[in-house]
Amino acid sequence: MTIVGRSVGAVRVHAAESAHPAEQAPEHLLELLGSAEVVLDALEHARHQLLELWVLGKLFLEAAQLAHELFHLHFLCHLHEHRL
């Protein structure tokens, strides 16, 4: 447990010592933006797939509802033909 604490402390000291100079800040920001773009692309792809699934589910529901309504219409026509 102590070894982990010392390792984390060493990383913190190293991070503080290796702060980016002003000329490296724009390059670092571009790297961060590139990483953010990769994440956003993945999220956009997932959103697109969810949208397709939602539309597909909606179509299945509409088809099932239409079949249900046609069954009732056929049933009502049958009742009307036989004057029930």
C-alpha atoms as a PDB file:
ATOM      1  CA  MET A   1       0.000   0.000   0.000  1.00  0.00           C
ATOM      2  CA  THR A   2       2.868   2.354   0.816  1.00  0.00           C
ATOM      3  CA  ILE A   3       4.512   1.587  -2.522  1.00  0.00           C
ATOM      4  CA  VAL A   4       1.387   2.682  -4.372  1.00  0.00           C
ATOM      5  CA  GLY A   5       1.239   5.919  -2.395  1.00  0.00           C
ATOM      6  CA  ARG A   6       4.872   6.648  -3.198  1.00  0.00           C
ATOM      7  CA  SER A   7       4.338   5.871  -6.884  1.00  0.00           C
ATOM      8  CA  VAL A   8       1.372   8.233  -7.078  1.00  0.00           C
ATOM      9  CA  GLY A   9       3.359  10.911  -5.272  1.00  0.00           C
ATOM     10  CA  ALA A  10       6.214  10.487  -7.720  1.00  0.00           C
ATOM     11  CA  VAL A  11       3.828  10.846 -10.658  1.00  0.00           C
ATOM     12  CA  ARG A  12       2.375  14.016  -9.166  1.00  0.00           C
ATOM     13  CA  VAL A  13       5.844  15.515  -8.664  1.00  0.00           C
ATOM     14  CA  HIS A  14       6.842  14.514 -12.204  1.00  0.00           C
ATOM     15  CA  ALA A  15       3.660  16.046 -13.634  1.00  0.00           C
ATOM     16  CA  ALA A  16       4.277  19.298 -11.788  1.00  0.00           C
ATOM     17  CA  GLU A  17       7.897  19.433 -12.925  1.00  0.00           C
ATOM     18  CA  SER A  18       7.085  18.674 -16.567  1.00  0.00           C
ATOM     19  CA  ALA A  19       4.525  21.435 -17.042  1.00  0.00           C
ATOM     20  CA  HIS A  20       4.161  22.434 -20.701  1.00  0.00           C
ATOM     21  CA  PRO A  21       5.939  25.584 -21.743  1.00  0.00           C
ATOM     22  CA  ALA A  22       3.873  28.191 -23.541  1.00  0.00           C
ATOM     23  CA  GLU A  23       5.015  27.023 -26.987  1.00  0.00           C
ATOM     24  CA  GLN A  24       3.940  23.419 -26.290  1.00  0.00           C
ATOM     25  CA  ALA A  25       0.470  24.378 -25.010  1.00  0.00           C
ATOM     26  CA  PRO A  26      -1.116  24.696 -28.498  1.00  0.00           C
ATOM     27  CA  GLU A  27       0.310  21.305 -29.510  1.00  0.00           C
ATOM     28  CA  HIS A  28      -1.056  19.773 -26.325  1.00  0.00           C
ATOM     29  CA  LEU A  29      -4.479  21.320 -27.004  1.00  0.00           C
ATOM     30  CA  LEU A  30      -4.451  19.899 -30.536  1.00  0.00           C
ATOM     31  CA  GLU A  31      -3.700  16.436 -29.121  1.00  0.00           C
ATOM     32  CA  LEU A  32      -6.596  16.820 -26.683  1.00  0.00           C
ATOM     33  CA  LEU A  33      -8.901  17.973 -29.470  1.00  0.00           C
ATOM     34  CA  GLY A  34      -7.885  14.972 -31.579  1.00  0.00           C
ATOM     35  CA  SER A  35      -8.724  12.655 -28.689  1.00  0.00           C
ATOM     36  CA  ALA A  36     -12.032  14.428 -28.131  1.00  0.00           C
ATOM     37  CA  GLU A  37     -12.839  14.074 -31.831  1.00  0.00           C
ATOM     38  CA  VAL A  38     -12.270  10.309 -31.666  1.00  0.00           C
ATOM     39  CA  VAL A  39     -14.629  10.045 -28.672  1.00  0.00           C
ATOM     40  CA  LEU A  40     -17.252  12.253 -30.317  1.00  0.00           C
ATOM     41  CA  ASP A  41     -17.091  10.210 -33.538  1.00  0.00           C
ATOM     42  CA  ALA A  42     -17.713   7.035 -31.550  1.00  0.00           C
ATOM     43  CA  LEU A  43     -20.644   8.655 -29.748  1.00  0.00           C
ATOM     44  CA  GLU A  44     -22.093   9.920 -33.038  1.00  0.00           C
ATOM     45  CA  HIS A  45     -21.893   6.419 -34.489  1.00  0.00           C
ATOM     46  CA  ALA A  46     -23.640   4.954 -31.429  1.00  0.00           C
ATOM     47  CA  ARG A  47     -26.328   7.678 -31.592  1.00  0.00           C
ATOM     48  CA  HIS A  48     -26.931   6.899 -35.262  1.00  0.00           C
ATOM     49  CA  GLN A  49     -27.335   3.190 -34.510  1.00  0.00           C
ATOM     50  CA  LEU A  50     -29.774   3.921 -31.683  1.00  0.00           C
ATOM     51  CA  LEU A  51     -31.779   6.169 -33.992  1.00  0.00           C
ATOM     52  CA  GLU A  52     -31.958   3.400 -36.603  1.00  0.00           C
ATOM     53  CA  LEU A  53     -33.128   0.920 -33.950  1.00  0.00           C
ATOM     54  CA  TRP A  54     -35.759   3.394 -32.730  1.00  0.00           C
ATOM     55  CA  VAL A  55     -37.090   3.906 -36.280  1.00  0.00           C
ATOM     56  CA  LEU A  56     -37.121   0.155 -36.885  1.00  0.00           C
ATOM     57  CA  GLY A  57     -39.002  -0.423 -33.622  1.00  0.00           C
ATOM     58  CA  LYS A  58     -41.497   2.287 -34.558  1.00  0.00           C
ATOM     59  CA  LEU A  59     -42.107   0.626 -37.928  1.00  0.00           C
ATOM     60  CA  PHE A  60     -42.715  -2.753 -36.284  1.00  0.00           C
ATOM     61  CA  LEU A  61     -45.157  -1.166 -33.827  1.00  0.00           C
ATOM     62  CA  GLU A  62     -47.012   0.582 -36.641  1.00  0.00           C
ATOM     63  CA  ALA A  63     -47.200  -2.656 -38.644  1.00  0.00           C
ATOM     64  CA  ALA A  64     -48.510  -4.565 -35.616  1.00  0.00           C
ATOM     65  CA  GLN A  65     -51.056  -1.833 -34.914  1.00  0.00           C
ATOM     66  CA  LEU A  66     -52.167  -1.814 -38.556  1.00  0.00           C
ATOM     67  CA  ALA A  67     -52.607  -5.599 -38.519  1.00  0.00           C
ATOM     68  CA  HIS A  68     -54.618  -5.295 -35.309  1.00  0.00           C
ATOM     69  CA  GLU A  69     -56.864  -2.601 -36.807  1.00  0.00           C
ATOM     70  CA  LEU A  70     -57.371  -4.598 -40.014  1.00  0.00           C
ATOM     71  CA  PHE A  71     -58.375  -7.634 -37.956  1.00  0.00           C
ATOM     72  CA  HIS A  72     -60.972  -5.541 -36.103  1.00  0.00           C
ATOM     73  CA  LEU A  73     -62.227  -4.043 -39.373  1.00  0.00           C
ATOM     74  CA  HIS A  74     -62.543  -7.517 -40.907  1.00  0.00           C
ATOM     75  CA  PHE A  75     -64.299  -8.736 -37.771  1.00  0.00           C
ATOM     76  CA  LEU A  76     -66.728  -5.785 -37.829  1.00  0.00           C
ATOM     77  CA  CYS A  77     -67.458  -6.380 -41.532  1.00  0.00           C
ATOM     78  CA  HIS A  78     -68.123 -10.025 -40.753  1.00  0.00           C
ATOM     79  CA  LEU A  79     -70.550  -9.031 -37.957  1.00  0.00           C
ATOM     80  CA  HIS A  80     -72.272  -6.556 -40.270  1.00  0.00           C
ATOM     81  CA  GLU A  81     -72.647  -9.140 -43.076  1.00  0.00           C
ATOM     82  CA  HIS A  82     -74.300 -11.561 -40.723  1.00  0.00           C
ATOM     83  CA  ARG A  83     -76.319  -8.774 -39.064  1.00  0.00           C
ATOM     84  CA  LEU A  84     -74.955  -9.552 -35.607  1.00  0.00           C
END
